[in-house]
Amino acid sequence: MLQANAIVFEKPEQLSLRRLDLAPAGDDDVVVEVDWSGVSTGTERLLFSGRMPAFPGMGYPLVPGYESVGTVISAGSKARIREGETVFVPGSRGFVDVRGLFGGAASKLVSKAARVLPISPTLGEKAILLALAATAFHARGAGPSDSGGVLVVGHGVLGRLLARLIALDGFEPPTVWEKNPERAGGAEHYKVLAPEEDARRDYATIFDVSGDSSLLDELIARLAPGGEVVLAGFYESRLNFSFPPAFMREARIRAAAEWRASDLEAVRRLVEDGRLSLDGLITHRARAADAATAYPTAFNDPSCLKMVLDWSACS
């Protein structure tokens, strides 16, 4: 039986790297040897801490991860992808005896060929950012129809990607809020402010990627009449807001869902065409064998925008 080394969240706050059996690959599956995988500081932090809200597939032990890049080493007879292709893998469910939520943090993966995305090998480790770019693209939707003013709340990787995508529309550059001075740098053609430094109260659209459930009243107060707050983070606590201010502004609130395959394809084209840059977003790297220290760094070090695990010595 095919095996892989994998990161396993045994239970909240307990991580291991262990050898797992992989389910047999079918005619429409591919087997991918992973080069790099990313650590999510949103959903994976909640999974690791045990604070993840009820979610299909939840439970321990589980293999996390949905940001993997590698090479196809075997392809089923019905797979549209061939051996030797470089692909992005948004997780898998191919493990025996453990849960695969989201199942991407392993040295080898079995996945439906229809779920993986062929990419240029020249993207290298930066390709792990495609899932976050697709998340930003989906949250952005059709994009602003005019220059009405756009605010992005949070200057982590998702906020930076969202700001870069909004800037492609050619209207007024977005404003980004960031409370942590360590994360205020690195802006590209937009300004980053602490909330108290921003006097504006007529934003047409506010994208919240902070995951802070306490901000909704403050964000509604910053909207122009008819403006929209887009909830693009992942919130562990219940969201509440005061009705009168929202009523006065006839505010709209939209929850951005998970990205679709079309979003992933769209950002791949933008990246490979050179329109969307993924530069400057990966700040930390570690060997997969050092996952026990890499994950806490990714979750707790404010200077860590994105942690990448290197699987080259852990096949």
C-alpha atoms as a PDB file:
ATOM      1  CA  MET A   1       0.000   0.000   0.000  1.00  0.00           C
ATOM      2  CA  LEU A   2       1.213   3.496  -0.840  1.00  0.00           C
ATOM      3  CA  GLN A   3       2.301   5.503   2.198  1.00  0.00           C
ATOM      4  CA  ALA A   4       3.130   9.113   2.992  1.00  0.00           C
ATOM      5  CA  ASN A   5       4.579  11.161   5.813  1.00  0.00           C
ATOM      6  CA  ALA A   6       1.905  13.573   7.006  1.00  0.00           C
ATOM      7  CA  ILE A   7       1.251  16.271   9.562  1.00  0.00           C
ATOM      8  CA  VAL A   8      -1.398  15.010  11.981  1.00  0.00           C
ATOM      9  CA  PHE A   9      -3.314  17.074  14.494  1.00  0.00           C
ATOM     10  CA  GLU A  10      -3.786  14.255  17.018  1.00  0.00           C
ATOM     11  CA  LYS A  11      -6.009  16.417  19.213  1.00  0.00           C
ATOM     12  CA  PRO A  12      -6.135  20.131  20.037  1.00  0.00           C
ATOM     13  CA  GLU A  13      -2.651  21.512  20.691  1.00  0.00           C
ATOM     14  CA  GLN A  14      -0.964  18.201  19.784  1.00  0.00           C
ATOM     15  CA  LEU A  15       0.826  17.738  16.456  1.00  0.00           C
ATOM     16  CA  SER A  16       2.860  14.870  15.070  1.00  0.00           C
ATOM     17  CA  LEU A  17       4.554  13.819  11.849  1.00  0.00           C
ATOM     18  CA  ARG A  18       3.781  10.190  11.112  1.00  0.00           C
ATOM     19  CA  ARG A  19       3.621   7.599   8.362  1.00  0.00           C
ATOM     20  CA  LEU A  20       0.111   7.026   7.015  1.00  0.00           C
ATOM     21  CA  ASP A  21      -1.438   4.639   4.513  1.00  0.00           C
ATOM     22  CA  LEU A  22      -3.027   6.205   1.448  1.00  0.00           C
ATOM     23  CA  ALA A  23      -6.224   4.922  -0.100  1.00  0.00           C
ATOM     24  CA  PRO A  24      -5.696   3.229  -3.479  1.00  0.00           C
ATOM     25  CA  ALA A  25      -5.802   5.628  -6.431  1.00  0.00           C
ATOM     26  CA  GLY A  26      -8.660   5.139  -8.902  1.00  0.00           C
ATOM     27  CA  ASP A  27      -8.903   5.634 -12.643  1.00  0.00           C
ATOM     28  CA  ASP A  28      -9.777   9.313 -12.230  1.00  0.00           C
ATOM     29  CA  ASP A  29      -7.185  10.004  -9.504  1.00  0.00           C
ATOM     30  CA  VAL A  30      -3.632  11.290  -9.504  1.00  0.00           C
ATOM     31  CA  VAL A  31      -0.835  10.670  -7.019  1.00  0.00           C
ATOM     32  CA  VAL A  32       1.207  13.771  -6.293  1.00  0.00           C
ATOM     33  CA  GLU A  33       4.639  13.982  -4.696  1.00  0.00           C
ATOM     34  CA  VAL A  34       4.506  17.198  -2.695  1.00  0.00           C
ATOM     35  CA  ASP A  35       7.299  19.764  -2.808  1.00  0.00           C
ATOM     36  CA  TRP A  36       5.788  22.477  -0.612  1.00  0.00           C
ATOM     37  CA  SER A  37       2.713  23.074   1.511  1.00  0.00           C
ATOM     38  CA  GLY A  38       1.518  26.216   3.256  1.00  0.00           C
ATOM     39  CA  VAL A  39       0.286  26.745   6.803  1.00  0.00           C
ATOM     40  CA  SER A  40      -3.013  28.601   7.129  1.00  0.00           C
ATOM     41  CA  THR A  41      -3.158  31.019  10.053  1.00  0.00           C
ATOM     42  CA  GLY A  42      -6.965  31.126   9.816  1.00  0.00           C
ATOM     43  CA  THR A  43      -8.676  27.756   9.591  1.00  0.00           C
ATOM     44  CA  GLU A  44      -5.635  25.694  10.612  1.00  0.00           C
ATOM     45  CA  ARG A  45      -5.067  27.829  13.698  1.00  0.00           C
ATOM     46  CA  LEU A  46      -8.672  27.122  14.747  1.00  0.00           C
ATOM     47  CA  LEU A  47      -8.263  23.411  14.012  1.00  0.00           C
ATOM     48  CA  PHE A  48      -5.035  23.225  16.005  1.00  0.00           C
ATOM     49  CA  SER A  49      -6.436  25.111  18.978  1.00  0.00           C
ATOM     50  CA  GLY A  50      -9.704  23.146  19.001  1.00  0.00           C
ATOM     51  CA  ARG A  51     -11.759  26.314  18.482  1.00  0.00           C
ATOM     52  CA  MET A  52     -12.973  25.459  14.978  1.00  0.00           C
ATOM     53  CA  PRO A  53     -16.769  25.831  14.762  1.00  0.00           C
ATOM     54  CA  ALA A  54     -18.761  22.749  13.752  1.00  0.00           C
ATOM     55  CA  PHE A  55     -17.734  21.929  10.203  1.00  0.00           C
ATOM     56  CA  PRO A  56     -18.310  18.914   7.905  1.00  0.00           C
ATOM     57  CA  GLY A  57     -15.473  16.454   8.332  1.00  0.00           C
ATOM     58  CA  MET A  58     -14.329  17.804  11.706  1.00  0.00           C
ATOM     59  CA  GLY A  59     -12.744  15.473  14.216  1.00  0.00           C
ATOM     60  CA  TYR A  60      -9.361  14.214  15.353  1.00  0.00           C
ATOM     61  CA  PRO A  61      -6.903  12.900  14.389  1.00  0.00           C
ATOM     62  CA  LEU A  62      -6.821  14.842  11.119  1.00  0.00           C
ATOM     63  CA  VAL A  63      -4.428  15.914   8.394  1.00  0.00           C
ATOM     64  CA  PRO A  64      -4.690  19.685   7.835  1.00  0.00           C
ATOM     65  CA  GLY A  65      -3.681  21.760   4.837  1.00  0.00           C
ATOM     66  CA  TYR A  66      -5.137  22.893   1.519  1.00  0.00           C
ATOM     67  CA  GLU A  67      -2.159  24.664  -0.069  1.00  0.00           C
ATOM     68  CA  SER A  68       0.111  22.040  -1.619  1.00  0.00           C
ATOM     69  CA  VAL A  69       2.297  22.065  -4.708  1.00  0.00           C
ATOM     70  CA  GLY A  70       4.015  19.094  -6.262  1.00  0.00           C
ATOM     71  CA  THR A  71       4.550  16.781  -9.218  1.00  0.00           C
ATOM     72  CA  VAL A  72       2.183  14.119 -10.536  1.00  0.00           C
ATOM     73  CA  ILE A  73       3.952  10.765 -10.228  1.00  0.00           C
ATOM     74  CA  SER A  74       1.000   8.573 -11.236  1.00  0.00           C
ATOM     75  CA  ALA A  75      -2.209   9.275 -13.147  1.00  0.00           C
ATOM     76  CA  GLY A  76      -5.258   7.081 -13.629  1.00  0.00           C
ATOM     77  CA  SER A  77      -6.468   6.082 -17.085  1.00  0.00           C
ATOM     78  CA  LYS A  78      -9.341   8.597 -16.945  1.00  0.00           C
ATOM     79  CA  ALA A  79      -7.323  11.483 -15.462  1.00  0.00           C
ATOM     80  CA  ARG A  80      -6.975  14.569 -17.606  1.00  0.00           C
ATOM     81  CA  ILE A  81      -3.544  15.249 -16.087  1.00  0.00           C
ATOM     82  CA  ARG A  82      -0.386  13.403 -17.011  1.00  0.00           C
ATOM     83  CA  GLU A  83       2.636  12.224 -15.069  1.00  0.00           C
ATOM     84  CA  GLY A  84       5.349  14.852 -14.681  1.00  0.00           C
ATOM     85  CA  GLU A  85       3.017  17.849 -14.541  1.00  0.00           C
ATOM     86  CA  THR A  86       3.406  20.411 -11.754  1.00  0.00           C
ATOM     87  CA  VAL A  87       0.113  20.926  -9.954  1.00  0.00           C
ATOM     88  CA  PHE A  88      -1.535  22.837  -7.141  1.00  0.00           C
ATOM     89  CA  VAL A  89      -3.522  20.556  -4.820  1.00  0.00           C
ATOM     90  CA  PRO A  90      -6.247  22.128  -2.622  1.00  0.00           C
ATOM     91  CA  GLY A  91      -6.203  19.272  -0.111  1.00  0.00           C
ATOM     92  CA  SER A  92      -7.258  15.632  -0.328  1.00  0.00           C
ATOM     93  CA  ARG A  93      -9.235  12.914   1.456  1.00  0.00           C
ATOM     94  CA  GLY A  94      -6.962  10.030   0.536  1.00  0.00           C
ATOM     95  CA  PHE A  95      -5.796   8.901   3.982  1.00  0.00           C
ATOM     96  CA  VAL A  96      -6.655   5.701   5.801  1.00  0.00           C
ATOM     97  CA  ASP A  97      -7.623   5.822   9.500  1.00  0.00           C
ATOM     98  CA  VAL A  98      -7.374   9.621   9.889  1.00  0.00           C
ATOM     99  CA  ARG A  99      -9.586  12.463   8.765  1.00  0.00           C
ATOM    100  CA  GLY A 100      -8.491  14.578   5.818  1.00  0.00           C
ATOM    101  CA  LEU A 101      -9.566  18.101   6.733  1.00  0.00           C
ATOM    102  CA  PHE A 102      -8.232  19.448   4.558  1.00  0.00           C
ATOM    103  CA  GLY A 103      -5.635  16.778   3.921  1.00  0.00           C
ATOM    104  CA  GLY A 104      -2.869  18.598   2.067  1.00  0.00           C
ATOM    105  CA  ALA A 105       0.037  18.564   4.531  1.00  0.00           C
ATOM    106  CA  ALA A 106       1.747  15.337   3.448  1.00  0.00           C
ATOM    107  CA  SER A 107       4.635  14.128   1.330  1.00  0.00           C
ATOM    108  CA  LYS A 108       2.306  12.333  -1.110  1.00  0.00           C
ATOM    109  CA  LEU A 109      -1.350  12.902  -1.892  1.00  0.00           C
ATOM    110  CA  VAL A 110      -4.064  10.977  -3.699  1.00  0.00           C
ATOM    111  CA  SER A 111      -6.600  13.357  -5.237  1.00  0.00           C
ATOM    112  CA  LYS A 112      -9.273  13.430  -7.889  1.00  0.00           C
ATOM    113  CA  ALA A 113      -7.598  14.715 -11.033  1.00  0.00           C
ATOM    114  CA  ALA A 114     -10.464  17.160 -11.550  1.00  0.00           C
ATOM    115  CA  ARG A 115      -9.551  18.916  -8.281  1.00  0.00           C
ATOM    116  CA  VAL A 116      -5.893  19.641  -8.997  1.00  0.00           C
ATOM    117  CA  LEU A 117      -4.717  22.573 -11.107  1.00  0.00           C
ATOM    118  CA  PRO A 118      -1.806  22.334 -13.563  1.00  0.00           C
ATOM    119  CA  ILE A 119       0.576  25.269 -13.043  1.00  0.00           C
ATOM    120  CA  SER A 120       3.855  26.552 -14.388  1.00  0.00           C
ATOM    121  CA  PRO A 121       6.854  24.995 -12.604  1.00  0.00           C
ATOM    122  CA  THR A 122       8.425  28.470 -12.550  1.00  0.00           C
ATOM    123  CA  LEU A 123       6.034  29.554  -9.793  1.00  0.00           C
ATOM    124  CA  GLY A 124       7.901  27.341  -7.337  1.00  0.00           C
ATOM    125  CA  GLU A 125       6.921  27.646  -3.682  1.00  0.00           C
ATOM    126  CA  LYS A 126       4.864  30.794  -4.345  1.00  0.00           C
ATOM    127  CA  ALA A 127       2.197  28.600  -5.934  1.00  0.00           C
ATOM    128  CA  ILE A 128       1.030  27.581  -2.446  1.00  0.00           C
ATOM    129  CA  LEU A 129      -0.530  31.071  -2.288  1.00  0.00           C
ATOM    130  CA  LEU A 130      -3.029  30.311  -5.057  1.00  0.00           C
ATOM    131  CA  ALA A 131      -5.738  29.200  -2.615  1.00  0.00           C
ATOM    132  CA  LEU A 132      -5.547  32.494  -0.717  1.00  0.00           C
ATOM    133  CA  ALA A 133      -5.488  34.405  -3.996  1.00  0.00           C
ATOM    134  CA  ALA A 134      -8.620  32.531  -5.094  1.00  0.00           C
ATOM    135  CA  THR A 135     -10.239  33.335  -1.734  1.00  0.00           C
ATOM    136  CA  ALA A 136      -9.503  37.019  -2.277  1.00  0.00           C
ATOM    137  CA  PHE A 137     -10.737  36.865  -5.861  1.00  0.00           C
ATOM    138  CA  HIS A 138     -14.017  35.248  -4.812  1.00  0.00           C
ATOM    139  CA  ALA A 139     -14.567  37.756  -1.996  1.00  0.00           C
ATOM    140  CA  ARG A 140     -13.929  40.636  -4.389  1.00  0.00           C
ATOM    141  CA  GLY A 141     -16.673  39.349  -6.661  1.00  0.00           C
ATOM    142  CA  ALA A 142     -17.262  41.438  -9.767  1.00  0.00           C
ATOM    143  CA  GLY A 143     -15.147  44.227  -8.298  1.00  0.00           C
ATOM    144  CA  PRO A 144     -16.151  47.827  -7.582  1.00  0.00           C
ATOM    145  CA  SER A 145     -18.142  49.489 -10.359  1.00  0.00           C
ATOM    146  CA  ASP A 146     -16.651  52.902  -9.638  1.00  0.00           C
ATOM    147  CA  SER A 147     -14.079  54.560  -7.428  1.00  0.00           C
ATOM    148  CA  GLY A 148     -16.545  54.822  -4.469  1.00  0.00           C
ATOM    149  CA  GLY A 149     -13.820  54.020  -1.935  1.00  0.00           C
ATOM    150  CA  VAL A 150     -12.711  50.590  -0.769  1.00  0.00           C
ATOM    151  CA  LEU A 151     -11.409  49.603   2.654  1.00  0.00           C
ATOM    152  CA  VAL A 152      -9.655  46.311   3.435  1.00  0.00           C
ATOM    153  CA  VAL A 153      -9.433  45.402   7.122  1.00  0.00           C
ATOM    154  CA  GLY A 154      -6.306  43.363   7.857  1.00  0.00           C
ATOM    155  CA  HIS A 155      -2.864  43.402   6.211  1.00  0.00           C
ATOM    156  CA  GLY A 156      -1.977  39.744   6.380  1.00  0.00           C
ATOM    157  CA  VAL A 157      -1.514  37.710   3.211  1.00  0.00           C
ATOM    158  CA  LEU A 158      -5.236  37.611   2.370  1.00  0.00           C
ATOM    159  CA  GLY A 159      -5.597  41.360   2.881  1.00  0.00           C
ATOM    160  CA  ARG A 160      -2.535  42.078   0.727  1.00  0.00           C
ATOM    161  CA  LEU A 161      -3.778  39.848  -2.071  1.00  0.00           C
ATOM    162  CA  LEU A 162      -7.214  41.463  -1.923  1.00  0.00           C
ATOM    163  CA  ALA A 163      -5.677  44.940  -2.063  1.00  0.00           C
ATOM    164  CA  ARG A 164      -3.536  43.917  -5.058  1.00  0.00           C
ATOM    165  CA  LEU A 165      -6.573  42.515  -6.880  1.00  0.00           C
ATOM    166  CA  ILE A 166      -8.654  45.640  -6.199  1.00  0.00           C
ATOM    167  CA  ALA A 167      -5.813  47.780  -7.507  1.00  0.00           C
ATOM    168  CA  LEU A 168      -6.088  45.939 -10.841  1.00  0.00           C
ATOM    169  CA  ASP A 169      -9.534  47.521 -11.387  1.00  0.00           C
ATOM    170  CA  GLY A 170      -7.868  50.855 -12.124  1.00  0.00           C
ATOM    171  CA  PHE A 171      -9.976  52.917  -9.748  1.00  0.00           C
ATOM    172  CA  GLU A 172      -8.957  54.644  -6.539  1.00  0.00           C
ATOM    173  CA  PRO A 173      -6.438  52.459  -4.643  1.00  0.00           C
ATOM    174  CA  PRO A 174      -7.903  50.786  -1.563  1.00  0.00           C
ATOM    175  CA  THR A 175      -7.114  51.767   1.998  1.00  0.00           C
ATOM    176  CA  VAL A 176      -5.982  49.005   4.338  1.00  0.00           C
ATOM    177  CA  TRP A 177      -6.348  48.985   8.117  1.00  0.00           C
ATOM    178  CA  GLU A 178      -3.747  47.239  10.233  1.00  0.00           C
ATOM    179  CA  LYS A 179      -3.396  47.556  14.009  1.00  0.00           C
ATOM    180  CA  ASN A 180      -0.071  45.710  14.310  1.00  0.00           C
ATOM    181  CA  PRO A 181       2.878  47.966  13.313  1.00  0.00           C
ATOM    182  CA  GLU A 182       4.918  44.866  12.370  1.00  0.00           C
ATOM    183  CA  ARG A 183       2.458  44.179   9.544  1.00  0.00           C
ATOM    184  CA  ALA A 184       1.991  47.737   8.299  1.00  0.00           C
ATOM    185  CA  GLY A 185       4.841  47.593   5.775  1.00  0.00           C
ATOM    186  CA  GLY A 186       4.921  46.028   2.331  1.00  0.00           C
ATOM    187  CA  ALA A 187       2.086  47.980   0.715  1.00  0.00           C
ATOM    188  CA  GLU A 188       2.003  48.099  -3.086  1.00  0.00           C
ATOM    189  CA  HIS A 189       0.349  51.242  -4.491  1.00  0.00           C
ATOM    190  CA  TYR A 190      -2.066  51.582  -1.579  1.00  0.00           C
ATOM    191  CA  LYS A 191      -1.882  53.049   1.916  1.00  0.00           C
ATOM    192  CA  VAL A 192      -1.946  51.211   5.236  1.00  0.00           C
ATOM    193  CA  LEU A 193      -3.362  53.007   8.275  1.00  0.00           C
ATOM    194  CA  ALA A 194      -4.249  52.218  11.860  1.00  0.00           C
ATOM    195  CA  PRO A 195      -8.050  52.537  12.207  1.00  0.00           C
ATOM    196  CA  GLU A 196      -7.746  55.626  14.422  1.00  0.00           C
ATOM    197  CA  GLU A 197      -5.702  57.366  11.707  1.00  0.00           C
ATOM    198  CA  ASP A 198      -8.527  57.062   9.167  1.00  0.00           C
ATOM    199  CA  ALA A 199     -11.240  59.713   9.336  1.00  0.00           C
ATOM    200  CA  ARG A 200     -13.144  58.502   6.297  1.00  0.00           C
ATOM    201  CA  ARG A 201     -16.784  57.447   6.728  1.00  0.00           C
ATOM    202  CA  ASP A 202     -18.016  57.059   3.174  1.00  0.00           C
ATOM    203  CA  TYR A 203     -16.570  53.767   1.953  1.00  0.00           C
ATOM    204  CA  ALA A 204     -18.631  52.089  -0.732  1.00  0.00           C
ATOM    205  CA  THR A 205     -17.211  48.663   0.120  1.00  0.00           C
ATOM    206  CA  ILE A 206     -15.416  47.325   3.185  1.00  0.00           C
ATOM    207  CA  PHE A 207     -13.758  43.910   3.024  1.00  0.00           C
ATOM    208  CA  ASP A 208     -13.079  42.464   6.468  1.00  0.00           C
ATOM    209  CA  VAL A 209     -10.429  39.743   6.404  1.00  0.00           C
ATOM    210  CA  SER A 210      -9.464  40.121  10.052  1.00  0.00           C
ATOM    211  CA  GLY A 211     -11.733  37.402  11.448  1.00  0.00           C
ATOM    212  CA  ASP A 212     -12.540  39.766  14.331  1.00  0.00           C
ATOM    213  CA  SER A 213     -16.235  39.323  15.107  1.00  0.00           C
ATOM    214  CA  SER A 214     -16.325  42.481  17.251  1.00  0.00           C
ATOM    215  CA  LEU A 215     -15.693  44.935  14.392  1.00  0.00           C
ATOM    216  CA  LEU A 216     -19.025  44.937  12.585  1.00  0.00           C
ATOM    217  CA  ASP A 217     -20.506  48.016  14.272  1.00  0.00           C
ATOM    218  CA  GLU A 218     -17.359  50.037  13.591  1.00  0.00           C
ATOM    219  CA  LEU A 219     -17.277  48.956   9.956  1.00  0.00           C
ATOM    220  CA  ILE A 220     -20.944  49.788   9.356  1.00  0.00           C
ATOM    221  CA  ALA A 221     -20.270  53.255  10.786  1.00  0.00           C
ATOM    222  CA  ARG A 222     -17.635  53.774   8.066  1.00  0.00           C
ATOM    223  CA  LEU A 223     -19.976  53.001   5.144  1.00  0.00           C
ATOM    224  CA  ALA A 224     -21.485  55.413   2.665  1.00  0.00           C
ATOM    225  CA  PRO A 225     -25.282  55.112   2.221  1.00  0.00           C
ATOM    226  CA  GLY A 226     -26.024  51.831   0.445  1.00  0.00           C
ATOM    227  CA  GLY A 227     -22.505  50.573   1.128  1.00  0.00           C
ATOM    228  CA  GLU A 228     -21.523  46.946   1.650  1.00  0.00           C
ATOM    229  CA  VAL A 229     -19.489  45.085   4.246  1.00  0.00           C
ATOM    230  CA  VAL A 230     -18.019  41.858   2.875  1.00  0.00           C
ATOM    231  CA  LEU A 231     -17.189  39.265   5.535  1.00  0.00           C
ATOM    232  CA  ALA A 232     -14.169  37.543   4.028  1.00  0.00           C
ATOM    233  CA  GLY A 233     -12.476  36.234   7.156  1.00  0.00           C
ATOM    234  CA  PHE A 234     -13.350  33.119   9.138  1.00  0.00           C
ATOM    235  CA  TYR A 235     -15.138  33.902  12.390  1.00  0.00           C
ATOM    236  CA  GLU A 236     -15.141  31.612  15.416  1.00  0.00           C
ATOM    237  CA  SER A 237     -17.557  33.817  17.395  1.00  0.00           C
ATOM    238  CA  ARG A 238     -21.090  34.952  16.686  1.00  0.00           C
ATOM    239  CA  LEU A 239     -21.384  38.218  14.739  1.00  0.00           C
ATOM    240  CA  ASN A 240     -23.768  40.906  15.998  1.00  0.00           C
ATOM    241  CA  PHE A 241     -24.474  44.475  14.997  1.00  0.00           C
ATOM    242  CA  SER A 242     -26.609  47.382  16.105  1.00  0.00           C
ATOM    243  CA  PHE A 243     -29.566  47.800  13.772  1.00  0.00           C
ATOM    244  CA  PRO A 244     -30.164  51.629  13.768  1.00  0.00           C
ATOM    245  CA  PRO A 245     -26.805  52.613  12.142  1.00  0.00           C
ATOM    246  CA  ALA A 246     -27.215  49.877   9.528  1.00  0.00           C
ATOM    247  CA  PHE A 247     -30.798  51.015   8.915  1.00  0.00           C
ATOM    248  CA  MET A 248     -29.749  54.663   8.500  1.00  0.00           C
ATOM    249  CA  ARG A 249     -27.174  53.693   5.868  1.00  0.00           C
ATOM    250  CA  GLU A 250     -29.275  50.948   4.260  1.00  0.00           C
ATOM    251  CA  ALA A 251     -26.152  48.856   4.678  1.00  0.00           C
ATOM    252  CA  ARG A 252     -25.602  45.533   2.951  1.00  0.00           C
ATOM    253  CA  ILE A 253     -23.691  42.658   4.552  1.00  0.00           C
ATOM    254  CA  ARG A 254     -22.337  39.821   2.408  1.00  0.00           C
ATOM    255  CA  ALA A 255     -20.610  36.667   3.607  1.00  0.00           C
ATOM    256  CA  ALA A 256     -18.017  35.524   1.072  1.00  0.00           C
ATOM    257  CA  ALA A 257     -18.181  31.764   0.568  1.00  0.00           C
ATOM    258  CA  GLU A 258     -15.357  29.373  -0.252  1.00  0.00           C
ATOM    259  CA  TRP A 259     -13.630  29.952  -3.574  1.00  0.00           C
ATOM    260  CA  ARG A 260     -14.703  28.001  -6.654  1.00  0.00           C
ATOM    261  CA  ALA A 261     -12.597  26.203  -9.248  1.00  0.00           C
ATOM    262  CA  SER A 262     -13.199  29.110 -11.633  1.00  0.00           C
ATOM    263  CA  ASP A 263     -11.659  31.511  -9.077  1.00  0.00           C
ATOM    264  CA  LEU A 264      -8.548  29.345  -8.818  1.00  0.00           C
ATOM    265  CA  GLU A 265      -8.199  29.231 -12.596  1.00  0.00           C
ATOM    266  CA  ALA A 266      -8.704  32.993 -12.844  1.00  0.00           C
ATOM    267  CA  VAL A 267      -5.940  33.825 -10.358  1.00  0.00           C
ATOM    268  CA  ARG A 268      -3.600  31.288 -11.956  1.00  0.00           C
ATOM    269  CA  ARG A 269      -3.963  33.208 -15.216  1.00  0.00           C
ATOM    270  CA  LEU A 270      -3.433  36.545 -13.488  1.00  0.00           C
ATOM    271  CA  VAL A 271      -0.275  35.273 -11.785  1.00  0.00           C
ATOM    272  CA  GLU A 272       1.195  33.545 -14.829  1.00  0.00           C
ATOM    273  CA  ASP A 273       0.419  36.611 -16.978  1.00  0.00           C
ATOM    274  CA  GLY A 274       2.332  38.785 -14.517  1.00  0.00           C
ATOM    275  CA  ARG A 275      -0.677  40.915 -13.537  1.00  0.00           C
ATOM    276  CA  LEU A 276      -0.977  39.625  -9.955  1.00  0.00           C
ATOM    277  CA  SER A 277       2.232  39.455  -7.953  1.00  0.00           C
ATOM    278  CA  LEU A 278       2.797  36.863  -5.228  1.00  0.00           C
ATOM    279  CA  ASP A 279       6.113  38.427  -4.226  1.00  0.00           C
ATOM    280  CA  GLY A 280       6.894  39.383  -0.643  1.00  0.00           C
ATOM    281  CA  LEU A 281       4.205  37.229   0.956  1.00  0.00           C
ATOM    282  CA  ILE A 282       6.166  34.148   2.040  1.00  0.00           C
ATOM    283  CA  THR A 283       8.279  35.201   5.018  1.00  0.00           C
ATOM    284  CA  HIS A 284       9.138  31.915   6.771  1.00  0.00           C
ATOM    285  CA  ARG A 285      10.249  28.473   5.630  1.00  0.00           C
ATOM    286  CA  ALA A 286      10.826  25.217   7.479  1.00  0.00           C
ATOM    287  CA  ARG A 287      11.462  21.574   6.770  1.00  0.00           C
ATOM    288  CA  ALA A 288       8.382  19.409   7.131  1.00  0.00           C
ATOM    289  CA  ALA A 289      10.295  17.451   9.774  1.00  0.00           C
ATOM    290  CA  ASP A 290      10.319  20.622  11.881  1.00  0.00           C
ATOM    291  CA  ALA A 291       6.542  21.087  11.754  1.00  0.00           C
ATOM    292  CA  ALA A 292       6.263  20.995  15.557  1.00  0.00           C
ATOM    293  CA  THR A 293       8.008  24.365  15.750  1.00  0.00           C
ATOM    294  CA  ALA A 294       6.893  25.710  12.368  1.00  0.00           C
ATOM    295  CA  TYR A 295       3.172  25.659  13.149  1.00  0.00           C
ATOM    296  CA  PRO A 296       3.410  27.631  16.422  1.00  0.00           C
ATOM    297  CA  THR A 297       5.635  30.158  14.656  1.00  0.00           C
ATOM    298  CA  ALA A 298       3.074  30.556  11.889  1.00  0.00           C
ATOM    299  CA  PHE A 299       0.256  30.982  14.399  1.00  0.00           C
ATOM    300  CA  ASN A 300       1.934  33.205  16.984  1.00  0.00           C
ATOM    301  CA  ASP A 301       4.746  35.235  15.395  1.00  0.00           C
ATOM    302  CA  PRO A 302       3.293  38.493  13.979  1.00  0.00           C
ATOM    303  CA  SER A 303       6.276  38.822  11.631  1.00  0.00           C
ATOM    304  CA  CYS A 304       5.266  35.535   9.952  1.00  0.00           C
ATOM    305  CA  LEU A 305       2.954  36.357   7.075  1.00  0.00           C
ATOM    306  CA  LYS A 306       3.196  32.923   5.494  1.00  0.00           C
ATOM    307  CA  MET A 307       4.986  29.741   6.521  1.00  0.00           C
ATOM    308  CA  VAL A 308       5.981  27.196   3.867  1.00  0.00           C
ATOM    309  CA  LEU A 309       6.917  23.619   4.642  1.00  0.00           C
ATOM    310  CA  ASP A 310       9.537  21.966   2.434  1.00  0.00           C
ATOM    311  CA  TRP A 311       8.838  18.243   1.885  1.00  0.00           C
ATOM    312  CA  SER A 312      11.943  17.502  -0.221  1.00  0.00           C
ATOM    313  CA  ALA A 313      13.700  15.610   2.601  1.00  0.00           C
ATOM    314  CA  CYS A 314      10.550  13.951   3.943  1.00  0.00           C
ATOM    315  CA  SER A 315       9.237  11.710   1.174  1.00  0.00           C
END
